[in-house]
């Protein structure tokens, strides 16, 4: 069900959630004038703008993570900062999906103009709701997978550095194996990020199909 998306937050630290909240709120403020200026654009151009907006919280998450861990732990650029950036970005995207859906319903209820699209059949409505549930569940799994990948990347990178710094007896075979693992993990990380982004865009499209204004 839709509420399952809230369980994503259980996988992250309080710091990541706080950074994500700041990124989300600032992105929402930045988005308002952008939306107003692009409201009259063609649909394809508006979609391109929406894709760009998705990356605003990524930049903000990076800046906030650098500042937080730089000031508190003196780690201005490290794997911890990159991990925090990725985690905060994913959380902020989840927040955006949740708030957008809640705001859409509240706005529709207040105005009395929001309703289920009457042109949709019961089977289509059921299909869309099931699809939204599946997309949210899939995003939950992909987010957890992505977090595990980032942690493994950090572990493997530290191990590689240890082996590379051992000038007395360097294990070239082990080093080559770790480099191959890192390459594979980077590919998995990229695929998971793309899947989550694609799912979020699909969720927005299905919500637009499901609800209309009278």
N, C-alpha and C. Protein backbone atom coordinates (compact mmCIF):
# COMPACT_ATOMS: atom_id res chain seq x y z
N UNK A 1 0.84 -1.19 0.00
CA UNK A 1 0.00 0.00 0.00
C UNK A 1 0.88 1.25 0.00
N UNK A 2 0.23 2.46 -0.24
CA UNK A 2 0.99 3.69 -0.36
C UNK A 2 1.79 4.02 0.88
N UNK A 3 1.25 3.66 2.08
CA UNK A 3 1.95 4.03 3.31
C UNK A 3 3.28 3.31 3.45
N UNK A 4 3.51 2.27 2.65
CA UNK A 4 4.76 1.52 2.75
C UNK A 4 5.97 2.38 2.43
N UNK A 5 5.76 3.45 1.67
CA UNK A 5 6.88 4.31 1.30
C UNK A 5 7.51 4.96 2.53
N UNK A 6 6.71 5.14 3.62
CA UNK A 6 7.25 5.74 4.83
C UNK A 6 8.30 4.86 5.48
N UNK A 7 8.23 3.55 5.27
CA UNK A 7 9.19 2.64 5.91
C UNK A 7 10.59 2.80 5.35
N UNK A 8 10.72 3.50 4.21
CA UNK A 8 12.04 3.75 3.63
C UNK A 8 12.92 4.49 4.64
N UNK A 9 12.31 5.41 5.41
CA UNK A 9 13.07 6.24 6.32
C UNK A 9 13.75 5.45 7.43
N UNK A 10 13.25 4.24 7.72
CA UNK A 10 13.82 3.42 8.77
C UNK A 10 15.23 2.96 8.42
N UNK A 11 15.57 3.01 7.13
CA UNK A 11 16.88 2.51 6.70
C UNK A 11 18.00 3.54 6.83
N UNK A 12 17.66 4.78 7.25
CA UNK A 12 18.65 5.84 7.23
C UNK A 12 18.88 6.45 8.61
N UNK A 13 20.01 7.14 8.73
CA UNK A 13 20.37 7.78 9.99
C UNK A 13 19.59 9.08 10.14
N UNK A 14 19.56 9.59 11.38
CA UNK A 14 18.88 10.85 11.66
C UNK A 14 19.53 12.00 10.90
N UNK A 15 20.85 11.97 10.77
CA UNK A 15 21.56 13.02 10.04
C UNK A 15 21.11 13.10 8.60
N UNK A 16 21.01 11.90 7.96
CA UNK A 16 20.61 11.86 6.55
C UNK A 16 19.19 12.38 6.37
N UNK A 17 18.31 12.03 7.31
CA UNK A 17 16.92 12.50 7.23
C UNK A 17 16.84 14.02 7.40
N UNK A 18 17.64 14.57 8.34
CA UNK A 18 17.63 16.01 8.56
C UNK A 18 18.18 16.76 7.34
N UNK A 19 19.26 16.23 6.77
CA UNK A 19 19.84 16.85 5.57
C UNK A 19 18.84 16.77 4.41
N UNK A 20 18.18 15.63 4.30
CA UNK A 20 17.18 15.45 3.24
C UNK A 20 16.02 16.41 3.42
N UNK A 21 15.61 16.63 4.66
CA UNK A 21 14.50 17.55 4.93
C UNK A 21 14.86 18.97 4.50
N UNK A 22 16.08 19.39 4.82
CA UNK A 22 16.54 20.71 4.39
C UNK A 22 16.59 20.82 2.88
N UNK A 23 17.11 19.78 2.23
CA UNK A 23 17.20 19.77 0.77
C UNK A 23 15.82 19.81 0.14
N UNK A 24 14.89 19.04 0.72
CA UNK A 24 13.52 19.00 0.18
C UNK A 24 12.84 20.36 0.30
N UNK A 25 12.91 20.97 1.48
CA UNK A 25 12.25 22.25 1.70
C UNK A 25 12.80 23.34 0.79
N UNK A 26 14.14 23.39 0.67
CA UNK A 26 14.76 24.40 -0.18
C UNK A 26 14.42 24.15 -1.65
N UNK A 27 14.41 22.87 -2.05
CA UNK A 27 14.04 22.53 -3.43
C UNK A 27 12.60 22.96 -3.72
N UNK A 28 11.72 22.75 -2.76
CA UNK A 28 10.32 23.12 -2.94
C UNK A 28 10.18 24.62 -3.15
N UNK A 29 10.97 25.41 -2.41
CA UNK A 29 10.93 26.87 -2.56
C UNK A 29 11.50 27.30 -3.91
N UNK A 30 12.59 26.63 -4.31
CA UNK A 30 13.21 26.95 -5.60
C UNK A 30 12.29 26.57 -6.75
N UNK A 31 11.54 25.48 -6.56
CA UNK A 31 10.68 24.95 -7.62
C UNK A 31 9.50 25.88 -7.95
N UNK A 32 8.99 26.60 -6.95
CA UNK A 32 7.80 27.43 -7.15
C UNK A 32 7.96 28.44 -8.29
N UNK A 33 9.00 29.30 -8.27
CA UNK A 33 9.14 30.25 -9.39
C UNK A 33 9.46 29.56 -10.72
N UNK A 34 10.16 28.42 -10.66
CA UNK A 34 10.47 27.69 -11.90
C UNK A 34 9.19 27.17 -12.53
N UNK A 35 8.30 26.60 -11.71
CA UNK A 35 7.03 26.07 -12.20
C UNK A 35 6.18 27.18 -12.82
N UNK A 36 6.18 28.35 -12.19
CA UNK A 36 5.38 29.47 -12.70
C UNK A 36 5.87 29.92 -14.07
N UNK A 37 7.19 29.97 -14.23
CA UNK A 37 7.76 30.44 -15.49
C UNK A 37 7.62 29.42 -16.62
N UNK A 38 7.53 28.15 -16.26
CA UNK A 38 7.47 27.10 -17.29
C UNK A 38 6.06 26.56 -17.51
N UNK A 39 5.08 27.16 -16.84
CA UNK A 39 3.70 26.65 -16.91
C UNK A 39 3.14 26.69 -18.33
N UNK A 40 3.60 27.66 -19.13
CA UNK A 40 3.07 27.81 -20.48
C UNK A 40 3.88 27.08 -21.55
N UNK A 41 4.91 26.37 -21.14
CA UNK A 41 5.75 25.65 -22.10
C UNK A 41 5.03 24.41 -22.64
N UNK A 42 5.53 23.90 -23.74
CA UNK A 42 4.99 22.66 -24.29
C UNK A 42 5.26 21.52 -23.31
N UNK A 43 4.45 20.46 -23.43
CA UNK A 43 4.53 19.36 -22.47
C UNK A 43 5.91 18.73 -22.43
N UNK A 44 6.52 18.51 -23.59
CA UNK A 44 7.85 17.88 -23.62
C UNK A 44 8.90 18.73 -22.92
N UNK A 45 8.80 20.05 -23.13
CA UNK A 45 9.75 20.95 -22.49
C UNK A 45 9.53 21.00 -20.98
N UNK A 46 8.26 20.96 -20.57
CA UNK A 46 7.97 20.97 -19.13
C UNK A 46 8.51 19.70 -18.47
N UNK A 47 8.40 18.57 -19.18
CA UNK A 47 8.92 17.31 -18.64
C UNK A 47 10.44 17.39 -18.47
N UNK A 48 11.12 18.03 -19.41
CA UNK A 48 12.58 18.19 -19.31
C UNK A 48 12.94 19.04 -18.08
N UNK A 49 12.13 20.09 -17.85
CA UNK A 49 12.37 20.94 -16.68
C UNK A 49 12.16 20.14 -15.40
N UNK A 50 11.12 19.29 -15.38
CA UNK A 50 10.84 18.47 -14.20
C UNK A 50 11.99 17.50 -13.90
N UNK A 51 12.61 16.98 -14.95
CA UNK A 51 13.75 16.09 -14.76
C UNK A 51 14.91 16.84 -14.13
N UNK A 52 15.13 18.09 -14.59
CA UNK A 52 16.21 18.91 -14.02
C UNK A 52 15.94 19.19 -12.54
N UNK A 53 14.67 19.45 -12.21
CA UNK A 53 14.30 19.75 -10.83
C UNK A 53 14.65 18.59 -9.90
N UNK A 54 14.55 17.35 -10.42
CA UNK A 54 14.87 16.18 -9.60
C UNK A 54 16.31 16.19 -9.11
N UNK A 55 17.20 16.87 -9.85
CA UNK A 55 18.61 16.87 -9.48
C UNK A 55 18.99 18.04 -8.58
N UNK A 56 18.05 18.97 -8.38
CA UNK A 56 18.33 20.08 -7.45
C UNK A 56 18.59 19.56 -6.04
N UNK A 57 17.73 18.65 -5.50
CA UNK A 57 18.02 18.14 -4.15
C UNK A 57 19.31 17.34 -4.07
N UNK A 58 19.78 16.77 -5.19
CA UNK A 58 21.05 16.07 -5.18
C UNK A 58 22.19 17.05 -4.90
N UNK A 59 22.15 18.19 -5.59
CA UNK A 59 23.18 19.21 -5.37
C UNK A 59 23.11 19.78 -3.96
N UNK A 60 21.88 20.02 -3.49
CA UNK A 60 21.72 20.56 -2.15
C UNK A 60 22.16 19.55 -1.09
N UNK A 61 21.84 18.28 -1.31
CA UNK A 61 22.25 17.24 -0.36
C UNK A 61 23.77 17.16 -0.26
N UNK A 62 24.44 17.32 -1.39
CA UNK A 62 25.90 17.30 -1.38
C UNK A 62 26.46 18.48 -0.59
N UNK A 63 25.92 19.67 -0.84
CA UNK A 63 26.40 20.87 -0.14
C UNK A 63 26.17 20.75 1.36
N UNK A 64 24.96 20.34 1.75
CA UNK A 64 24.64 20.21 3.18
C UNK A 64 25.48 19.11 3.85
N UNK A 65 25.73 18.00 3.13
CA UNK A 65 26.53 16.92 3.69
C UNK A 65 27.98 17.36 3.90
N UNK A 66 28.51 18.08 2.92
CA UNK A 66 29.88 18.60 3.03
C UNK A 66 30.00 19.52 4.24
N UNK A 67 29.02 20.42 4.38
CA UNK A 67 29.06 21.38 5.49
C UNK A 67 28.91 20.66 6.84
N UNK A 68 27.95 19.72 6.91
CA UNK A 68 27.69 19.05 8.18
C UNK A 68 28.89 18.22 8.65
N UNK A 69 29.35 17.31 7.76
CA UNK A 69 30.44 16.42 8.16
C UNK A 69 31.79 17.14 8.17
N UNK A 70 31.90 18.20 7.39
CA UNK A 70 33.12 18.99 7.43
C UNK A 70 33.28 19.72 8.75
N UNK A 71 32.17 20.30 9.22
CA UNK A 71 32.20 21.07 10.46
C UNK A 71 32.25 20.15 11.68
N UNK A 72 31.45 19.08 11.68
CA UNK A 72 31.34 18.22 12.87
C UNK A 72 32.44 17.16 12.95
N UNK A 73 32.89 16.65 11.80
CA UNK A 73 33.87 15.55 11.81
C UNK A 73 35.14 15.86 11.02
N UNK A 74 35.22 17.08 10.50
CA UNK A 74 36.37 17.50 9.70
C UNK A 74 36.60 16.59 8.49
N UNK A 75 35.50 16.09 7.93
CA UNK A 75 35.56 15.28 6.71
C UNK A 75 34.81 16.03 5.61
N UNK A 76 35.55 16.85 4.90
CA UNK A 76 34.91 17.73 3.91
C UNK A 76 34.56 16.98 2.64
N UNK A 77 35.44 16.12 2.19
CA UNK A 77 35.15 15.29 1.01
C UNK A 77 35.63 13.88 1.32
N UNK A 78 34.68 12.97 1.53
CA UNK A 78 35.02 11.59 1.88
C UNK A 78 33.89 10.68 1.47
N UNK A 79 34.09 9.36 1.64
CA UNK A 79 33.04 8.39 1.32
C UNK A 79 31.82 8.61 2.21
N UNK A 80 32.06 9.07 3.45
CA UNK A 80 30.95 9.35 4.36
C UNK A 80 30.07 10.46 3.80
N UNK A 81 30.71 11.47 3.22
CA UNK A 81 29.96 12.59 2.62
C UNK A 81 29.18 12.12 1.40
N UNK A 82 29.81 11.29 0.58
CA UNK A 82 29.13 10.78 -0.62
C UNK A 82 27.97 9.87 -0.25
N UNK A 83 28.17 9.04 0.78
CA UNK A 83 27.10 8.17 1.26
C UNK A 83 25.93 9.00 1.77
N UNK A 84 26.24 10.04 2.54
CA UNK A 84 25.20 10.92 3.08
C UNK A 84 24.47 11.65 1.96
N UNK A 85 25.22 12.08 0.94
CA UNK A 85 24.62 12.78 -0.19
C UNK A 85 23.61 11.90 -0.91
N UNK A 86 24.01 10.68 -1.20
CA UNK A 86 23.12 9.75 -1.91
C UNK A 86 21.89 9.42 -1.07
N UNK A 87 22.11 9.11 0.21
CA UNK A 87 21.00 8.76 1.09
C UNK A 87 20.02 9.92 1.22
N UNK A 88 20.55 11.12 1.44
CA UNK A 88 19.70 12.29 1.61
C UNK A 88 18.91 12.61 0.35
N UNK A 89 19.56 12.43 -0.80
CA UNK A 89 18.87 12.68 -2.07
C UNK A 89 17.69 11.73 -2.25
N UNK A 90 17.90 10.45 -1.98
CA UNK A 90 16.83 9.47 -2.12
C UNK A 90 15.68 9.75 -1.16
N UNK A 91 16.03 10.14 0.07
CA UNK A 91 14.99 10.46 1.04
C UNK A 91 14.20 11.69 0.59
N UNK A 92 14.90 12.70 0.08
CA UNK A 92 14.22 13.92 -0.35
C UNK A 92 13.28 13.64 -1.52
N UNK A 93 13.68 12.72 -2.42
CA UNK A 93 12.80 12.34 -3.52
C UNK A 93 11.55 11.64 -2.99
N UNK A 94 11.73 10.80 -1.98
CA UNK A 94 10.58 10.12 -1.37
C UNK A 94 9.66 11.14 -0.70
N UNK A 95 10.27 12.11 -0.02
CA UNK A 95 9.47 13.16 0.61
C UNK A 95 8.67 13.93 -0.43
N UNK A 96 9.32 14.21 -1.54
CA UNK A 96 8.65 14.96 -2.62
C UNK A 96 7.46 14.18 -3.15
N UNK A 97 7.63 12.86 -3.34
CA UNK A 97 6.55 12.03 -3.86
C UNK A 97 5.39 11.99 -2.87
N UNK A 98 5.70 11.88 -1.58
CA UNK A 98 4.66 11.81 -0.55
C UNK A 98 3.90 13.14 -0.45
N UNK A 99 4.65 14.24 -0.33
CA UNK A 99 4.02 15.55 -0.15
C UNK A 99 3.22 15.94 -1.38
N UNK A 100 3.74 15.64 -2.57
CA UNK A 100 3.03 15.98 -3.80
C UNK A 100 1.69 15.26 -3.87
N UNK A 101 1.69 14.00 -3.48
CA UNK A 101 0.45 13.23 -3.52
C UNK A 101 -0.54 13.73 -2.48
N UNK A 102 -0.07 14.00 -1.27
CA UNK A 102 -0.94 14.50 -0.22
C UNK A 102 -1.51 15.87 -0.60
N UNK A 103 -0.64 16.74 -1.13
CA UNK A 103 -1.08 18.09 -1.52
C UNK A 103 -2.10 18.03 -2.63
N UNK A 104 -1.92 17.12 -3.57
CA UNK A 104 -2.87 16.97 -4.67
C UNK A 104 -4.26 16.61 -4.16
N UNK A 105 -4.29 15.67 -3.22
CA UNK A 105 -5.58 15.25 -2.65
C UNK A 105 -6.21 16.35 -1.82
N UNK A 106 -5.41 17.00 -0.95
CA UNK A 106 -5.93 18.08 -0.10
C UNK A 106 -6.47 19.23 -0.94
N UNK A 107 -5.71 19.59 -1.96
CA UNK A 107 -6.13 20.68 -2.83
C UNK A 107 -7.43 20.35 -3.55
N UNK A 108 -7.53 19.11 -3.98
CA UNK A 108 -8.74 18.69 -4.67
C UNK A 108 -9.95 18.66 -3.76
N UNK A 109 -9.74 18.19 -2.51
CA UNK A 109 -10.84 18.13 -1.55
C UNK A 109 -11.33 19.53 -1.19
N UNK A 110 -10.38 20.45 -0.96
CA UNK A 110 -10.75 21.82 -0.59
C UNK A 110 -11.52 22.52 -1.71
N UNK A 111 -11.06 22.35 -2.92
CA UNK A 111 -11.70 23.02 -4.04
C UNK A 111 -12.92 22.29 -4.56
N UNK A 112 -13.00 21.01 -4.21
CA UNK A 112 -14.11 20.19 -4.71
C UNK A 112 -13.96 19.86 -6.18
N UNK A 113 -12.77 20.08 -6.70
CA UNK A 113 -12.56 19.89 -8.14
C UNK A 113 -11.83 18.60 -8.48
N UNK A 114 -11.34 17.89 -7.47
CA UNK A 114 -10.55 16.69 -7.75
C UNK A 114 -11.42 15.45 -7.67
N UNK A 115 -11.28 14.61 -8.67
CA UNK A 115 -12.02 13.36 -8.66
C UNK A 115 -11.27 12.31 -9.46
N UNK A 116 -11.66 11.07 -9.26
CA UNK A 116 -11.11 10.01 -10.09
C UNK A 116 -11.55 10.23 -11.52
N UNK A 117 -10.66 10.07 -12.44
CA UNK A 117 -10.97 10.27 -13.85
C UNK A 117 -12.17 9.41 -14.26
N UNK A 118 -13.32 10.03 -14.60
CA UNK A 118 -14.52 9.25 -14.92
C UNK A 118 -14.41 8.44 -16.21
N UNK A 119 -13.41 8.76 -17.02
CA UNK A 119 -13.24 8.03 -18.27
C UNK A 119 -12.53 6.69 -18.07
N UNK A 120 -11.99 6.51 -16.87
CA UNK A 120 -11.29 5.26 -16.59
C UNK A 120 -12.27 4.20 -16.13
N UNK A 121 -12.07 3.00 -16.59
CA UNK A 121 -12.90 1.89 -16.14
C UNK A 121 -12.43 1.42 -14.77
N UNK A 122 -13.27 0.64 -14.10
CA UNK A 122 -12.89 0.12 -12.79
C UNK A 122 -11.62 -0.72 -12.89
N UNK A 123 -11.53 -1.47 -14.00
CA UNK A 123 -10.34 -2.30 -14.17
C UNK A 123 -9.09 -1.44 -14.32
N UNK A 124 -9.22 -0.32 -15.06
CA UNK A 124 -8.07 0.56 -15.26
C UNK A 124 -7.67 1.24 -13.95
N UNK A 125 -8.67 1.69 -13.18
CA UNK A 125 -8.40 2.32 -11.89
C UNK A 125 -7.69 1.34 -10.96
N UNK A 126 -8.20 0.11 -10.94
CA UNK A 126 -7.59 -0.92 -10.11
C UNK A 126 -6.15 -1.19 -10.55
N UNK A 127 -5.95 -1.23 -11.87
CA UNK A 127 -4.61 -1.47 -12.41
C UNK A 127 -3.65 -0.35 -12.00
N UNK A 128 -4.10 0.91 -12.12
CA UNK A 128 -3.24 2.05 -11.78
C UNK A 128 -2.87 2.02 -10.30
N UNK A 129 -3.86 1.75 -9.43
CA UNK A 129 -3.58 1.71 -8.00
C UNK A 129 -2.62 0.57 -7.66
N UNK A 130 -2.82 -0.59 -8.30
CA UNK A 130 -1.90 -1.72 -8.07
C UNK A 130 -0.50 -1.38 -8.56
N UNK A 131 -0.44 -0.69 -9.70
CA UNK A 131 0.86 -0.32 -10.26
C UNK A 131 1.58 0.67 -9.35
N UNK A 132 0.82 1.64 -8.80
CA UNK A 132 1.42 2.61 -7.87
C UNK A 132 1.95 1.90 -6.63
N UNK A 133 1.19 0.93 -6.14
CA UNK A 133 1.64 0.17 -4.98
C UNK A 133 2.91 -0.60 -5.30
N UNK A 134 2.94 -1.22 -6.48
CA UNK A 134 4.13 -1.99 -6.88
C UNK A 134 5.35 -1.09 -7.05
N UNK A 135 5.13 0.10 -7.64
CA UNK A 135 6.24 1.04 -7.84
C UNK A 135 6.80 1.52 -6.51
N UNK A 136 5.92 1.81 -5.56
CA UNK A 136 6.38 2.24 -4.24
C UNK A 136 7.15 1.13 -3.53
N UNK A 137 6.64 -0.10 -3.64
CA UNK A 137 7.33 -1.24 -3.01
C UNK A 137 8.68 -1.48 -3.69
N UNK A 138 8.70 -1.34 -5.00
CA UNK A 138 9.95 -1.54 -5.74
C UNK A 138 10.97 -0.47 -5.36
N UNK A 139 10.51 0.77 -5.20
CA UNK A 139 11.41 1.84 -4.79
C UNK A 139 11.98 1.58 -3.40
N UNK A 140 11.14 1.02 -2.53
CA UNK A 140 11.60 0.67 -1.18
C UNK A 140 12.73 -0.34 -1.26
N UNK A 141 12.55 -1.38 -2.09
CA UNK A 141 13.58 -2.42 -2.23
C UNK A 141 14.84 -1.87 -2.90
N UNK A 142 14.64 -1.05 -3.94
CA UNK A 142 15.79 -0.49 -4.66
C UNK A 142 16.58 0.45 -3.76
N UNK A 143 15.89 1.19 -2.92
CA UNK A 143 16.56 2.11 -2.00
C UNK A 143 17.41 1.35 -1.00
N UNK A 144 16.84 0.27 -0.45
CA UNK A 144 17.61 -0.57 0.49
C UNK A 144 18.81 -1.19 -0.21
N UNK A 145 18.60 -1.67 -1.44
CA UNK A 145 19.69 -2.27 -2.20
C UNK A 145 20.79 -1.24 -2.46
N UNK A 146 20.37 -0.02 -2.80
CA UNK A 146 21.33 1.03 -3.09
C UNK A 146 22.15 1.39 -1.86
N UNK A 147 21.50 1.41 -0.72
CA UNK A 147 22.22 1.69 0.53
C UNK A 147 23.26 0.61 0.81
N UNK A 148 22.89 -0.65 0.58
CA UNK A 148 23.83 -1.76 0.79
C UNK A 148 25.00 -1.68 -0.18
N UNK A 149 24.71 -1.28 -1.42
CA UNK A 149 25.78 -1.16 -2.42
C UNK A 149 26.78 -0.08 -2.02
N UNK A 150 26.25 1.06 -1.55
CA UNK A 150 27.12 2.16 -1.14
C UNK A 150 28.02 1.74 0.02
N UNK A 151 27.45 1.00 0.98
CA UNK A 151 28.25 0.52 2.11
C UNK A 151 29.33 -0.45 1.65
N UNK A 152 28.97 -1.35 0.72
CA UNK A 152 29.95 -2.31 0.21
C UNK A 152 31.03 -1.60 -0.59
N UNK A 153 30.66 -0.56 -1.32
CA UNK A 153 31.65 0.23 -2.05
C UNK A 153 32.67 0.84 -1.09
N UNK A 154 32.16 1.35 0.02
CA UNK A 154 33.04 1.94 1.02
C UNK A 154 33.99 0.89 1.60
N UNK A 155 33.45 -0.29 1.91
CA UNK A 155 34.27 -1.37 2.47
C UNK A 155 35.34 -1.83 1.50
N UNK A 156 34.94 -2.05 0.25
CA UNK A 156 35.88 -2.53 -0.76
C UNK A 156 36.95 -1.49 -1.08
N UNK A 157 36.56 -0.21 -1.06
CA UNK A 157 37.52 0.85 -1.34
C UNK A 157 38.57 0.93 -0.24
N UNK A 158 38.12 0.81 1.01
CA UNK A 158 39.07 0.82 2.13
C UNK A 158 40.03 -0.37 2.05
N UNK A 159 39.50 -1.55 1.68
CA UNK A 159 40.34 -2.74 1.55
C UNK A 159 41.35 -2.56 0.43
N UNK A 160 40.91 -2.00 -0.68
CA UNK A 160 41.82 -1.76 -1.80
C UNK A 160 42.95 -0.82 -1.40
N UNK A 161 42.61 0.23 -0.66
CA UNK A 161 43.63 1.18 -0.21
C UNK A 161 44.64 0.52 0.72
N UNK A 162 44.15 -0.37 1.58
CA UNK A 162 45.04 -1.08 2.50
C UNK A 162 46.05 -1.93 1.73
N UNK A 163 45.52 -2.65 0.71
CA UNK A 163 46.40 -3.53 -0.09
C UNK A 163 47.38 -2.70 -0.90
N UNK A 164 46.89 -1.61 -1.50
CA UNK A 164 47.74 -0.77 -2.34
C UNK A 164 48.85 -0.09 -1.53
N UNK A 165 48.55 0.20 -0.27
CA UNK A 165 49.55 0.88 0.57
C UNK A 165 50.56 -0.08 1.20
N UNK A 166 50.32 -1.39 1.03
CA UNK A 166 51.25 -2.38 1.57
C UNK A 166 52.41 -2.55 0.59
N UNK A 167 53.41 -1.72 0.73
CA UNK A 167 54.54 -1.73 -0.20
C UNK A 167 55.49 -2.90 0.03
N UNK A 168 55.34 -3.57 1.16
CA UNK A 168 56.23 -4.70 1.47
C UNK A 168 55.80 -5.94 0.68
N UNK A 169 54.53 -6.26 0.73
CA UNK A 169 54.04 -7.46 0.05
C UNK A 169 52.65 -7.19 -0.54
N UNK A 170 52.63 -6.56 -1.69
CA UNK A 170 51.37 -6.21 -2.32
C UNK A 170 50.80 -7.42 -3.07
N UNK A 171 49.52 -7.69 -2.88
CA UNK A 171 48.83 -8.81 -3.51
C UNK A 171 48.13 -8.30 -4.76
N UNK A 172 48.79 -8.44 -5.91
CA UNK A 172 48.25 -7.90 -7.15
C UNK A 172 46.98 -8.63 -7.59
N UNK A 173 46.92 -9.93 -7.36
CA UNK A 173 45.72 -10.69 -7.74
C UNK A 173 44.51 -10.22 -6.94
N UNK A 174 44.71 -10.05 -5.63
CA UNK A 174 43.62 -9.58 -4.78
C UNK A 174 43.21 -8.17 -5.15
N UNK A 175 44.19 -7.35 -5.49
CA UNK A 175 43.91 -5.97 -5.88
C UNK A 175 43.08 -5.93 -7.16
N UNK A 176 43.42 -6.79 -8.11
CA UNK A 176 42.67 -6.86 -9.37
C UNK A 176 41.24 -7.34 -9.13
N UNK A 177 41.09 -8.29 -8.21
CA UNK A 177 39.75 -8.80 -7.87
C UNK A 177 38.88 -7.71 -7.24
N UNK A 178 39.49 -6.93 -6.35
CA UNK A 178 38.74 -5.86 -5.69
C UNK A 178 38.35 -4.78 -6.70
N UNK A 179 39.26 -4.44 -7.60
CA UNK A 179 38.95 -3.44 -8.62
C UNK A 179 37.80 -3.89 -9.50
N UNK A 180 37.76 -5.20 -9.81
CA UNK A 180 36.66 -5.73 -10.61
C UNK A 180 35.35 -5.65 -9.83
N UNK A 181 35.41 -5.95 -8.52
CA UNK A 181 34.23 -5.84 -7.67
C UNK A 181 33.72 -4.41 -7.60
N UNK A 182 34.65 -3.47 -7.49
CA UNK A 182 34.26 -2.06 -7.41
C UNK A 182 33.59 -1.60 -8.70
N UNK A 183 34.12 -2.06 -9.82
CA UNK A 183 33.52 -1.70 -11.11
C UNK A 183 32.10 -2.25 -11.22
N UNK A 184 31.93 -3.49 -10.76
CA UNK A 184 30.61 -4.11 -10.79
C UNK A 184 29.63 -3.39 -9.85
N UNK A 185 30.11 -3.00 -8.68
CA UNK A 185 29.27 -2.29 -7.72
C UNK A 185 28.86 -0.92 -8.24
N UNK A 186 29.77 -0.25 -8.91
CA UNK A 186 29.46 1.07 -9.48
C UNK A 186 28.35 0.94 -10.53
N UNK A 187 28.42 -0.14 -11.33
CA UNK A 187 27.37 -0.38 -12.34
C UNK A 187 26.03 -0.64 -11.66
N UNK A 188 26.04 -1.47 -10.60
CA UNK A 188 24.82 -1.76 -9.87
C UNK A 188 24.25 -0.49 -9.23
N UNK A 189 25.12 0.35 -8.71
CA UNK A 189 24.70 1.61 -8.08
C UNK A 189 24.02 2.51 -9.10
N UNK A 190 24.61 2.64 -10.27
CA UNK A 190 24.04 3.48 -11.32
C UNK A 190 22.69 2.94 -11.77
N UNK A 191 22.58 1.63 -11.93
CA UNK A 191 21.31 1.03 -12.36
C UNK A 191 20.21 1.25 -11.32
N UNK A 192 20.56 1.12 -10.03
CA UNK A 192 19.58 1.32 -8.97
C UNK A 192 19.11 2.77 -8.93
N UNK A 193 20.04 3.71 -9.10
CA UNK A 193 19.68 5.13 -9.10
C UNK A 193 18.74 5.44 -10.26
N UNK A 194 19.05 4.91 -11.44
CA UNK A 194 18.21 5.14 -12.61
C UNK A 194 16.84 4.52 -12.43
N UNK A 195 16.78 3.34 -11.79
CA UNK A 195 15.50 2.66 -11.57
C UNK A 195 14.63 3.48 -10.63
N UNK A 196 15.19 4.00 -9.56
CA UNK A 196 14.44 4.80 -8.61
C UNK A 196 13.92 6.08 -9.27
N UNK A 197 14.78 6.73 -10.05
CA UNK A 197 14.36 7.96 -10.74
C UNK A 197 13.24 7.66 -11.73
N UNK A 198 13.38 6.56 -12.47
CA UNK A 198 12.36 6.16 -13.44
C UNK A 198 11.03 5.85 -12.75
N UNK A 199 11.09 5.18 -11.60
CA UNK A 199 9.88 4.85 -10.85
C UNK A 199 9.18 6.10 -10.35
N UNK A 200 9.96 7.07 -9.87
CA UNK A 200 9.36 8.31 -9.38
C UNK A 200 8.64 9.06 -10.50
N UNK A 201 9.22 9.06 -11.67
CA UNK A 201 8.58 9.70 -12.82
C UNK A 201 7.31 8.95 -13.21
N UNK A 202 7.35 7.62 -13.13
CA UNK A 202 6.17 6.81 -13.46
C UNK A 202 5.05 7.05 -12.44
N UNK A 203 5.41 7.16 -11.17
CA UNK A 203 4.42 7.43 -10.12
C UNK A 203 3.70 8.75 -10.40
N UNK A 204 4.46 9.76 -10.79
CA UNK A 204 3.86 11.07 -11.10
C UNK A 204 2.90 10.96 -12.29
N UNK A 205 3.31 10.20 -13.31
CA UNK A 205 2.45 10.06 -14.51
C UNK A 205 1.15 9.32 -14.16
N UNK A 206 1.24 8.26 -13.39
CA UNK A 206 0.04 7.48 -13.05
C UNK A 206 -0.91 8.30 -12.17
N UNK A 207 -0.35 9.14 -11.29
CA UNK A 207 -1.21 9.99 -10.48
C UNK A 207 -1.95 11.01 -11.34
N UNK A 208 -1.28 11.51 -12.38
CA UNK A 208 -1.93 12.44 -13.29
C UNK A 208 -3.06 11.79 -14.06
N UNK A 209 -2.90 10.51 -14.38
CA UNK A 209 -3.95 9.77 -15.09
C UNK A 209 -5.13 9.44 -14.18
N UNK A 210 -4.81 9.17 -12.90
CA UNK A 210 -5.85 8.71 -11.98
C UNK A 210 -6.76 9.85 -11.54
N UNK A 211 -6.18 11.05 -11.29
CA UNK A 211 -6.97 12.16 -10.80
C UNK A 211 -7.09 13.25 -11.85
N UNK A 212 -8.28 13.86 -11.92
CA UNK A 212 -8.49 14.99 -12.82
C UNK A 212 -9.30 16.06 -12.07
N UNK A 213 -9.36 17.23 -12.65
CA UNK A 213 -10.21 18.28 -12.09
C UNK A 213 -11.54 18.29 -12.81
N UNK A 214 -12.59 18.56 -12.08
CA UNK A 214 -13.93 18.61 -12.66
C UNK A 214 -14.03 19.75 -13.66
